[in-house]
Amino acid sequence: MKYLANVATLRLDKEKCVGCGRCVEVCPRRVFVMRERKAEVLDRDCCIECGACERNCEFGALSVSSGVGCAQALFNAMITGGEPVCDCEKNDRNKSGCC
């Protein structure tokens, strides 16, 4: 399942990556793979911005603004039964819903 193209806040600094593979272990969406002893983002558009990778990277190689993306809004709506709401409309009070 993919979400909106090119909107995920996920960033990987390959210089800081030591190849421990923790991101591969903790990512619920299999966004990462290990190649040549370094993590690599396989498909950024599958990232749900949960933040598990960043919280578990001891070397600061990953950053993500967890819980701010539209994917997170969709998951929250599924869990609560409500409408998806993200920060996309914060500058336009007349909009409702996600993006």
N, C-alpha and C. Protein backbone atom coordinates (compact mmCIF):
# COMPACT_ATOMS: atom_id res chain seq x y z
N MET A 1 0.84 -1.18 0.00
CA MET A 1 0.00 0.00 0.00
C MET A 1 0.89 1.24 0.00
N LYS A 2 0.67 2.10 -0.97
CA LYS A 2 1.42 3.35 -1.04
C LYS A 2 0.48 4.49 -0.77
N TYR A 3 1.05 5.62 -0.42
CA TYR A 3 0.28 6.79 -0.06
C TYR A 3 0.52 7.86 -1.10
N LEU A 4 0.64 9.07 -0.73
CA LEU A 4 0.91 10.14 -1.68
C LEU A 4 2.38 10.12 -2.09
N ALA A 5 2.64 10.30 -3.37
CA ALA A 5 4.01 10.25 -3.87
C ALA A 5 4.81 11.47 -3.41
N ASN A 6 6.03 11.20 -3.01
CA ASN A 6 7.01 12.25 -2.70
C ASN A 6 6.61 13.20 -1.58
N VAL A 7 5.88 12.74 -0.57
CA VAL A 7 5.53 13.61 0.54
C VAL A 7 6.14 13.16 1.88
N ALA A 8 6.66 11.96 1.95
CA ALA A 8 7.21 11.45 3.21
C ALA A 8 8.40 12.30 3.64
N THR A 9 8.50 12.55 4.94
CA THR A 9 9.58 13.37 5.49
C THR A 9 10.83 12.56 5.81
N LEU A 10 10.83 11.28 5.53
CA LEU A 10 11.94 10.37 5.83
C LEU A 10 13.21 10.79 5.10
N ARG A 11 14.31 10.86 5.87
CA ARG A 11 15.62 11.17 5.30
C ARG A 11 16.66 10.22 5.89
N LEU A 12 17.56 9.73 5.04
CA LEU A 12 18.64 8.84 5.46
C LEU A 12 19.96 9.49 5.12
N ASP A 13 20.83 9.64 6.12
CA ASP A 13 22.18 10.17 5.92
C ASP A 13 23.11 8.96 5.84
N LYS A 14 23.48 8.57 4.63
CA LYS A 14 24.31 7.37 4.45
C LYS A 14 25.68 7.49 5.08
N GLU A 15 26.17 8.71 5.25
CA GLU A 15 27.48 8.91 5.89
C GLU A 15 27.44 8.50 7.36
N LYS A 16 26.31 8.69 8.01
CA LYS A 16 26.18 8.34 9.43
C LYS A 16 25.78 6.89 9.64
N CYS A 17 25.27 6.24 8.61
CA CYS A 17 24.83 4.85 8.72
C CYS A 17 26.03 3.92 8.91
N VAL A 18 25.95 3.07 9.94
CA VAL A 18 27.03 2.11 10.20
C VAL A 18 26.65 0.70 9.78
N GLY A 19 25.45 0.55 9.23
CA GLY A 19 25.03 -0.76 8.72
C GLY A 19 24.57 -1.74 9.77
N CYS A 20 24.04 -1.25 10.89
CA CYS A 20 23.59 -2.15 11.95
C CYS A 20 22.31 -2.92 11.57
N GLY A 21 21.51 -2.36 10.67
CA GLY A 21 20.30 -3.02 10.22
C GLY A 21 19.09 -2.86 11.11
N ARG A 22 19.21 -2.04 12.13
CA ARG A 22 18.09 -1.86 13.05
C ARG A 22 16.86 -1.29 12.34
N CYS A 23 17.07 -0.37 11.41
CA CYS A 23 15.95 0.23 10.68
C CYS A 23 15.18 -0.83 9.90
N VAL A 24 15.89 -1.77 9.33
CA VAL A 24 15.25 -2.87 8.59
C VAL A 24 14.40 -3.70 9.55
N GLU A 25 14.91 -3.92 10.75
CA GLU A 25 14.20 -4.72 11.76
C GLU A 25 12.92 -4.05 12.25
N VAL A 26 12.96 -2.74 12.47
CA VAL A 26 11.83 -2.08 13.14
C VAL A 26 10.80 -1.46 12.20
N CYS A 27 11.12 -1.29 10.94
CA CYS A 27 10.18 -0.64 10.02
C CYS A 27 9.01 -1.57 9.70
N PRO A 28 7.79 -1.14 10.03
CA PRO A 28 6.62 -1.99 9.78
C PRO A 28 6.23 -2.06 8.31
N ARG A 29 6.78 -1.19 7.48
CA ARG A 29 6.40 -1.14 6.07
C ARG A 29 7.50 -1.61 5.12
N ARG A 30 8.61 -2.11 5.68
CA ARG A 30 9.73 -2.62 4.87
C ARG A 30 10.26 -1.57 3.89
N VAL A 31 10.45 -0.38 4.42
CA VAL A 31 10.95 0.73 3.61
C VAL A 31 12.44 0.59 3.34
N PHE A 32 13.16 -0.10 4.22
CA PHE A 32 14.62 -0.19 4.13
C PHE A 32 15.09 -1.57 3.71
N VAL A 33 16.26 -1.58 3.05
CA VAL A 33 16.99 -2.81 2.75
C VAL A 33 18.45 -2.54 3.07
N MET A 34 19.19 -3.60 3.25
CA MET A 34 20.63 -3.46 3.46
C MET A 34 21.33 -3.80 2.14
N ARG A 35 22.19 -2.89 1.70
CA ARG A 35 22.97 -3.11 0.49
C ARG A 35 24.38 -2.61 0.74
N GLU A 36 25.33 -3.47 0.44
CA GLU A 36 26.74 -3.12 0.62
C GLU A 36 27.01 -2.59 2.03
N ARG A 37 26.44 -3.28 3.01
CA ARG A 37 26.65 -2.98 4.44
C ARG A 37 26.15 -1.59 4.87
N LYS A 38 25.17 -1.08 4.17
CA LYS A 38 24.54 0.20 4.53
C LYS A 38 23.05 0.08 4.30
N ALA A 39 22.29 0.84 5.07
CA ALA A 39 20.85 0.89 4.86
C ALA A 39 20.57 1.71 3.60
N GLU A 40 19.51 1.33 2.95
CA GLU A 40 19.06 2.06 1.77
C GLU A 40 17.55 2.13 1.80
N VAL A 41 17.01 3.25 1.38
CA VAL A 41 15.56 3.41 1.32
C VAL A 41 15.09 2.72 0.05
N LEU A 42 14.29 1.68 0.24
CA LEU A 42 13.78 0.91 -0.89
C LEU A 42 12.63 1.65 -1.57
N ASP A 43 11.70 2.15 -0.77
CA ASP A 43 10.55 2.87 -1.33
C ASP A 43 10.03 3.88 -0.32
N ARG A 44 10.45 5.11 -0.46
CA ARG A 44 10.08 6.19 0.46
C ARG A 44 8.57 6.40 0.52
N ASP A 45 7.88 6.16 -0.59
CA ASP A 45 6.43 6.37 -0.64
C ASP A 45 5.64 5.36 0.19
N CYS A 46 6.30 4.33 0.70
CA CYS A 46 5.63 3.37 1.59
C CYS A 46 5.76 3.78 3.06
N CYS A 47 6.55 4.79 3.33
CA CYS A 47 6.77 5.24 4.71
C CYS A 47 5.49 5.85 5.28
N ILE A 48 5.13 5.40 6.49
CA ILE A 48 3.95 5.95 7.17
C ILE A 48 4.34 6.95 8.25
N GLU A 49 5.60 7.31 8.30
CA GLU A 49 6.11 8.31 9.22
C GLU A 49 5.82 7.98 10.68
N CYS A 50 5.95 6.70 11.02
CA CYS A 50 5.70 6.29 12.41
C CYS A 50 6.85 6.68 13.34
N GLY A 51 8.05 6.84 12.80
CA GLY A 51 9.20 7.27 13.58
C GLY A 51 10.00 6.15 14.22
N ALA A 52 9.62 4.90 14.00
CA ALA A 52 10.33 3.77 14.62
C ALA A 52 11.79 3.73 14.19
N CYS A 53 12.06 4.01 12.94
CA CYS A 53 13.44 3.95 12.44
C CYS A 53 14.32 5.01 13.13
N GLU A 54 13.82 6.24 13.19
CA GLU A 54 14.60 7.31 13.81
C GLU A 54 14.84 7.05 15.29
N ARG A 55 13.80 6.61 16.00
CA ARG A 55 13.94 6.36 17.44
C ARG A 55 14.91 5.22 17.73
N ASN A 56 15.08 4.30 16.80
CA ASN A 56 15.95 3.15 17.03
C ASN A 56 17.32 3.27 16.39
N CYS A 57 17.58 4.35 15.69
CA CYS A 57 18.91 4.55 15.07
C CYS A 57 19.80 5.27 16.08
N GLU A 58 20.76 4.56 16.61
CA GLU A 58 21.67 5.12 17.62
C GLU A 58 22.68 6.09 17.02
N PHE A 59 22.76 6.17 15.70
CA PHE A 59 23.82 6.92 15.05
C PHE A 59 23.32 8.19 14.36
N GLY A 60 22.03 8.48 14.49
CA GLY A 60 21.48 9.70 13.92
C GLY A 60 21.43 9.72 12.40
N ALA A 61 21.40 8.56 11.79
CA ALA A 61 21.40 8.49 10.33
C ALA A 61 20.01 8.71 9.74
N LEU A 62 18.99 8.63 10.56
CA LEU A 62 17.62 8.74 10.06
C LEU A 62 16.89 9.90 10.71
N SER A 63 16.05 10.54 9.92
CA SER A 63 15.16 11.56 10.46
C SER A 63 13.81 11.45 9.77
N VAL A 64 12.77 11.67 10.55
CA VAL A 64 11.41 11.65 10.03
C VAL A 64 10.54 12.46 10.99
N SER A 65 9.64 13.22 10.45
CA SER A 65 8.71 13.97 11.30
C SER A 65 7.52 13.06 11.56
N SER A 66 7.64 12.25 12.59
CA SER A 66 6.61 11.24 12.85
C SER A 66 5.28 11.85 13.23
N GLY A 67 4.23 11.26 12.69
CA GLY A 67 2.88 11.66 13.02
C GLY A 67 2.37 12.90 12.33
N VAL A 68 3.10 13.46 11.38
CA VAL A 68 2.63 14.68 10.73
C VAL A 68 2.10 14.42 9.33
N GLY A 69 2.37 13.26 8.78
CA GLY A 69 2.02 13.01 7.40
C GLY A 69 0.58 12.61 7.17
N CYS A 70 0.21 12.63 5.92
CA CYS A 70 -1.14 12.25 5.52
C CYS A 70 -1.39 10.77 5.80
N ALA A 71 -0.35 9.94 5.67
CA ALA A 71 -0.51 8.51 5.96
C ALA A 71 -0.92 8.31 7.41
N GLN A 72 -0.29 9.05 8.31
CA GLN A 72 -0.64 8.95 9.72
C GLN A 72 -2.09 9.38 9.94
N ALA A 73 -2.52 10.41 9.22
CA ALA A 73 -3.91 10.86 9.34
C ALA A 73 -4.88 9.77 8.89
N LEU A 74 -4.53 9.07 7.83
CA LEU A 74 -5.38 7.98 7.35
C LEU A 74 -5.48 6.86 8.38
N PHE A 75 -4.34 6.50 8.97
CA PHE A 75 -4.35 5.44 9.99
C PHE A 75 -5.17 5.86 11.21
N ASN A 76 -4.99 7.09 11.65
CA ASN A 76 -5.76 7.57 12.80
C ASN A 76 -7.25 7.51 12.51
N ALA A 77 -7.64 7.88 11.30
CA ALA A 77 -9.05 7.84 10.92
C ALA A 77 -9.59 6.41 10.93
N MET A 78 -8.77 5.48 10.44
CA MET A 78 -9.21 4.07 10.44
C MET A 78 -9.41 3.56 11.86
N ILE A 79 -8.52 3.96 12.75
CA ILE A 79 -8.59 3.50 14.14
C ILE A 79 -9.77 4.13 14.87
N THR A 80 -9.98 5.42 14.68
CA THR A 80 -11.02 6.13 15.42
C THR A 80 -12.37 6.12 14.73
N GLY A 81 -12.38 5.79 13.44
CA GLY A 81 -13.63 5.81 12.69
C GLY A 81 -14.02 7.20 12.22
N GLY A 82 -13.13 8.15 12.37
CA GLY A 82 -13.42 9.53 11.97
C GLY A 82 -12.86 9.85 10.60
N GLU A 83 -12.89 11.11 10.27
CA GLU A 83 -12.35 11.59 9.00
C GLU A 83 -10.84 11.82 9.15
N PRO A 84 -10.06 11.59 8.09
CA PRO A 84 -8.63 11.87 8.15
C PRO A 84 -8.37 13.37 8.28
N VAL A 85 -7.54 13.74 9.25
CA VAL A 85 -7.19 15.14 9.44
C VAL A 85 -5.69 15.21 9.70
N CYS A 86 -5.01 16.00 8.87
CA CYS A 86 -3.57 16.19 9.06
C CYS A 86 -3.27 17.67 9.13
N ASP A 87 -2.02 18.05 9.12
CA ASP A 87 -1.64 19.45 9.23
C ASP A 87 -1.73 20.20 7.92
N CYS A 88 -2.19 19.56 6.86
CA CYS A 88 -2.24 20.21 5.55
C CYS A 88 -3.13 21.44 5.55
N GLU A 89 -4.19 21.42 6.35
CA GLU A 89 -5.13 22.53 6.33
C GLU A 89 -4.85 23.57 7.40
N LYS A 90 -3.74 23.50 8.10
CA LYS A 90 -3.50 24.42 9.21
C LYS A 90 -3.45 25.88 8.79
N ASN A 91 -3.13 26.16 7.54
CA ASN A 91 -3.08 27.55 7.08
C ASN A 91 -4.36 27.99 6.38
N ASP A 92 -5.33 27.08 6.27
CA ASP A 92 -6.58 27.41 5.62
C ASP A 92 -7.72 26.84 6.44
N ARG A 93 -8.31 27.65 7.28
CA ARG A 93 -9.33 27.17 8.22
C ARG A 93 -10.63 26.73 7.53
N ASN A 94 -10.79 27.03 6.26
CA ASN A 94 -11.99 26.64 5.54
C ASN A 94 -11.93 25.22 5.02
N LYS A 95 -10.75 24.62 5.01
CA LYS A 95 -10.61 23.25 4.53
C LYS A 95 -10.91 22.26 5.64
N SER A 96 -11.36 21.12 5.28
CA SER A 96 -11.55 20.05 6.26
C SER A 96 -11.01 18.76 5.67
N GLY A 97 -10.59 17.86 6.54
CA GLY A 97 -10.07 16.60 6.08
C GLY A 97 -8.60 16.68 5.72
N CYS A 98 -8.12 15.65 5.12
CA CYS A 98 -6.70 15.53 4.80
C CYS A 98 -6.43 15.86 3.33
N CYS A 99 -5.59 16.83 3.13
CA CYS A 99 -5.12 17.23 1.79
C CYS A 99 -6.26 17.40 0.82
